[in-house]
Amino acid sequence: MTVPELGNLIQVFVDDSDPTIQYKGNWVKETGLSTAPRTLTDPEDRPTPLYGTLHNFSGTGSGSISYMFTGEDQITRYYA
């Protein structure tokens, strides 16, 4: 894919349930969530999980997420 302002771009989606993602801390995995599109008219509506899973940080303290890849750059999109 060629995007004029970005040049050659390879777009890769990595789901939160990908086993190469390492979670540290009190992360809770939710499964079986709806992936049906929601309306855009309700300001409380948020994007649905891509594959029906979502990780939430639970409790207090610190946590982290690690994902290793080979490449030059990344753009991360996170929805909460």
N, C-alpha and C. Protein backbone atom coordinates (compact mmCIF):
# COMPACT_ATOMS: atom_id res chain seq x y z
N MET A 1 0.85 -1.16 0.00
CA MET A 1 0.00 0.00 0.00
C MET A 1 0.90 1.23 0.00
N THR A 2 0.57 2.20 -0.81
CA THR A 2 1.33 3.44 -0.83
C THR A 2 0.43 4.57 -0.37
N VAL A 3 0.86 5.27 0.64
CA VAL A 3 0.16 6.44 1.16
C VAL A 3 1.07 7.62 0.87
N PRO A 4 0.58 8.63 0.12
CA PRO A 4 1.48 9.71 -0.31
C PRO A 4 2.33 10.30 0.80
N GLU A 5 1.75 10.59 1.94
CA GLU A 5 2.53 11.23 3.00
C GLU A 5 3.35 10.25 3.83
N LEU A 6 3.10 8.95 3.69
CA LEU A 6 3.83 7.96 4.47
C LEU A 6 4.74 7.07 3.63
N GLY A 7 4.63 7.14 2.31
CA GLY A 7 5.43 6.25 1.47
C GLY A 7 4.87 4.84 1.53
N ASN A 8 5.74 3.86 1.47
CA ASN A 8 5.29 2.47 1.56
C ASN A 8 4.97 2.13 3.00
N LEU A 9 3.79 1.61 3.23
CA LEU A 9 3.33 1.33 4.57
C LEU A 9 2.80 -0.09 4.62
N ILE A 10 3.27 -0.85 5.57
CA ILE A 10 2.72 -2.18 5.81
C ILE A 10 1.93 -2.09 7.10
N GLN A 11 0.65 -2.37 7.01
CA GLN A 11 -0.22 -2.25 8.16
C GLN A 11 -0.44 -3.62 8.78
N VAL A 12 -0.17 -3.75 10.07
CA VAL A 12 -0.31 -5.00 10.78
C VAL A 12 -1.18 -4.77 12.01
N PHE A 13 -2.21 -5.58 12.17
CA PHE A 13 -3.05 -5.51 13.36
C PHE A 13 -2.60 -6.60 14.32
N VAL A 14 -2.38 -6.22 15.56
CA VAL A 14 -2.01 -7.18 16.59
C VAL A 14 -3.08 -7.11 17.66
N ASP A 15 -3.79 -8.21 17.84
CA ASP A 15 -4.87 -8.26 18.83
C ASP A 15 -4.28 -8.40 20.23
N ASP A 16 -5.01 -7.93 21.22
CA ASP A 16 -4.52 -7.97 22.60
C ASP A 16 -4.34 -9.39 23.12
N SER A 17 -4.92 -10.38 22.47
CA SER A 17 -4.76 -11.77 22.91
C SER A 17 -3.59 -12.48 22.22
N ASP A 18 -2.84 -11.75 21.40
CA ASP A 18 -1.67 -12.32 20.73
C ASP A 18 -0.69 -12.83 21.79
N PRO A 19 -0.25 -14.09 21.69
CA PRO A 19 0.63 -14.66 22.71
C PRO A 19 2.01 -14.01 22.79
N THR A 20 2.39 -13.23 21.78
CA THR A 20 3.69 -12.56 21.85
C THR A 20 3.65 -11.29 22.69
N ILE A 21 2.46 -10.84 23.08
CA ILE A 21 2.34 -9.69 23.98
C ILE A 21 2.54 -10.18 25.40
N GLN A 22 3.39 -9.51 26.14
CA GLN A 22 3.64 -9.88 27.54
C GLN A 22 3.02 -8.82 28.44
N TYR A 23 2.14 -9.28 29.33
CA TYR A 23 1.48 -8.40 30.29
C TYR A 23 2.12 -8.60 31.65
N LYS A 24 2.45 -7.51 32.34
CA LYS A 24 2.97 -7.60 33.71
C LYS A 24 2.09 -6.73 34.59
N GLY A 25 1.70 -7.27 35.74
CA GLY A 25 0.83 -6.54 36.64
C GLY A 25 -0.55 -7.19 36.69
N ASN A 26 -1.51 -6.44 37.18
CA ASN A 26 -2.86 -6.97 37.39
C ASN A 26 -3.76 -6.78 36.17
N TRP A 27 -3.43 -7.46 35.08
CA TRP A 27 -4.24 -7.39 33.87
C TRP A 27 -5.27 -8.50 33.88
N VAL A 28 -6.50 -8.18 33.49
CA VAL A 28 -7.59 -9.15 33.44
C VAL A 28 -8.07 -9.24 32.00
N LYS A 29 -8.14 -10.47 31.48
CA LYS A 29 -8.59 -10.67 30.10
C LYS A 29 -10.09 -10.92 30.09
N GLU A 30 -10.82 -10.11 29.33
CA GLU A 30 -12.24 -10.32 29.12
C GLU A 30 -12.41 -11.01 27.77
N THR A 31 -13.26 -12.01 27.72
CA THR A 31 -13.48 -12.73 26.45
C THR A 31 -14.96 -12.74 26.12
N GLY A 32 -15.28 -13.10 24.90
CA GLY A 32 -16.67 -13.23 24.47
C GLY A 32 -17.39 -11.91 24.30
N LEU A 33 -16.65 -10.82 24.14
CA LEU A 33 -17.27 -9.51 23.97
C LEU A 33 -17.82 -9.36 22.56
N SER A 34 -18.85 -8.56 22.43
CA SER A 34 -19.47 -8.34 21.14
C SER A 34 -18.51 -7.61 20.20
N THR A 35 -18.49 -8.04 18.96
CA THR A 35 -17.69 -7.36 17.94
C THR A 35 -18.60 -6.65 16.94
N ALA A 36 -19.90 -6.60 17.26
CA ALA A 36 -20.86 -5.95 16.37
C ALA A 36 -20.60 -4.44 16.33
N PRO A 37 -20.69 -3.84 15.16
CA PRO A 37 -20.50 -2.39 15.08
C PRO A 37 -21.53 -1.66 15.94
N ARG A 38 -21.11 -0.56 16.51
CA ARG A 38 -22.01 0.26 17.31
C ARG A 38 -22.36 1.53 16.54
N THR A 39 -23.37 2.22 17.03
CA THR A 39 -23.76 3.47 16.37
C THR A 39 -22.74 4.55 16.70
N LEU A 40 -22.67 5.55 15.86
CA LEU A 40 -21.77 6.67 16.11
C LEU A 40 -22.51 7.86 16.71
N THR A 41 -23.82 7.70 16.95
CA THR A 41 -24.61 8.81 17.45
C THR A 41 -24.56 8.94 18.96
N ASP A 42 -24.25 7.87 19.67
CA ASP A 42 -24.18 7.89 21.13
C ASP A 42 -22.76 8.20 21.56
N PRO A 43 -22.53 9.32 22.28
CA PRO A 43 -21.17 9.68 22.66
C PRO A 43 -20.50 8.68 23.61
N GLU A 44 -21.29 7.82 24.24
CA GLU A 44 -20.72 6.81 25.14
C GLU A 44 -20.22 5.58 24.38
N ASP A 45 -20.61 5.46 23.11
CA ASP A 45 -20.18 4.30 22.33
C ASP A 45 -18.69 4.39 22.02
N ARG A 46 -18.02 3.28 22.19
CA ARG A 46 -16.60 3.18 21.88
C ARG A 46 -16.42 2.06 20.86
N PRO A 47 -15.30 2.04 20.17
CA PRO A 47 -15.06 0.93 19.24
C PRO A 47 -15.12 -0.41 19.96
N THR A 48 -15.60 -1.41 19.26
CA THR A 48 -15.69 -2.75 19.84
C THR A 48 -14.37 -3.48 19.65
N PRO A 49 -14.08 -4.45 20.52
CA PRO A 49 -12.84 -5.22 20.37
C PRO A 49 -12.81 -5.94 19.03
N LEU A 50 -11.66 -5.96 18.40
CA LEU A 50 -11.52 -6.55 17.08
C LEU A 50 -11.89 -8.03 17.05
N TYR A 51 -11.39 -8.81 18.00
CA TYR A 51 -11.67 -10.24 18.02
C TYR A 51 -12.40 -10.68 19.28
N GLY A 52 -13.11 -9.75 19.92
CA GLY A 52 -13.94 -10.10 21.07
C GLY A 52 -13.18 -10.27 22.37
N THR A 53 -11.95 -9.77 22.45
CA THR A 53 -11.18 -9.84 23.70
C THR A 53 -10.69 -8.45 24.06
N LEU A 54 -10.47 -8.27 25.35
CA LEU A 54 -10.01 -6.98 25.84
C LEU A 54 -9.26 -7.22 27.14
N HIS A 55 -8.14 -6.56 27.33
CA HIS A 55 -7.39 -6.62 28.58
C HIS A 55 -7.60 -5.32 29.33
N ASN A 56 -7.95 -5.43 30.60
CA ASN A 56 -8.14 -4.27 31.47
C ASN A 56 -7.17 -4.36 32.63
N PHE A 57 -6.65 -3.22 33.04
CA PHE A 57 -5.80 -3.20 34.22
C PHE A 57 -6.70 -3.10 35.44
N SER A 58 -6.50 -3.98 36.39
CA SER A 58 -7.37 -4.07 37.55
C SER A 58 -6.59 -3.77 38.83
N GLY A 59 -7.18 -2.96 39.68
CA GLY A 59 -6.56 -2.70 40.97
C GLY A 59 -5.59 -1.53 40.93
N THR A 60 -4.68 -1.56 41.88
CA THR A 60 -3.70 -0.48 41.99
C THR A 60 -2.31 -1.02 41.67
N GLY A 61 -1.35 -0.15 41.70
CA GLY A 61 0.02 -0.56 41.40
C GLY A 61 0.36 -0.23 39.97
N SER A 62 1.41 -0.84 39.51
CA SER A 62 1.87 -0.56 38.15
C SER A 62 1.71 -1.78 37.27
N GLY A 63 1.69 -1.54 35.99
CA GLY A 63 1.60 -2.61 35.02
C GLY A 63 2.27 -2.18 33.73
N SER A 64 2.54 -3.14 32.89
CA SER A 64 3.17 -2.83 31.61
C SER A 64 2.76 -3.85 30.56
N ILE A 65 2.96 -3.45 29.33
CA ILE A 65 2.72 -4.33 28.18
C ILE A 65 3.97 -4.27 27.32
N SER A 66 4.44 -5.44 26.87
CA SER A 66 5.61 -5.50 26.00
C SER A 66 5.25 -6.25 24.73
N TYR A 67 5.71 -5.72 23.60
CA TYR A 67 5.53 -6.38 22.31
C TYR A 67 6.77 -6.12 21.47
N MET A 68 7.44 -7.16 21.08
CA MET A 68 8.66 -7.03 20.28
C MET A 68 8.32 -7.20 18.80
N PHE A 69 8.92 -6.38 17.97
CA PHE A 69 8.73 -6.50 16.54
C PHE A 69 10.01 -6.07 15.83
N THR A 70 10.13 -6.44 14.58
CA THR A 70 11.25 -6.02 13.76
C THR A 70 10.73 -4.98 12.78
N GLY A 71 11.30 -3.83 12.81
CA GLY A 71 10.86 -2.75 11.93
C GLY A 71 11.51 -1.45 12.32
N GLU A 72 11.12 -0.40 11.64
CA GLU A 72 11.71 0.91 11.88
C GLU A 72 10.84 1.81 12.73
N ASP A 73 9.54 1.61 12.74
CA ASP A 73 8.66 2.54 13.41
C ASP A 73 7.35 1.86 13.74
N GLN A 74 6.57 2.50 14.59
CA GLN A 74 5.26 1.97 14.92
C GLN A 74 4.30 3.11 15.19
N ILE A 75 3.03 2.84 14.97
CA ILE A 75 1.95 3.72 15.38
C ILE A 75 1.02 2.85 16.21
N THR A 76 0.79 3.26 17.44
CA THR A 76 -0.03 2.46 18.34
C THR A 76 -1.37 3.15 18.54
N ARG A 77 -2.43 2.39 18.41
CA ARG A 77 -3.77 2.90 18.69
C ARG A 77 -4.34 2.10 19.84
N TYR A 78 -4.84 2.81 20.80
CA TYR A 78 -5.36 2.17 22.01
C TYR A 78 -6.74 2.76 22.29
N TYR A 79 -7.70 1.92 22.54
CA TYR A 79 -9.04 2.37 22.87
C TYR A 79 -9.40 1.86 24.25
N ALA A 80 -9.91 2.74 25.08
CA ALA A 80 -10.32 2.35 26.43
C ALA A 80 -11.75 2.73 26.68
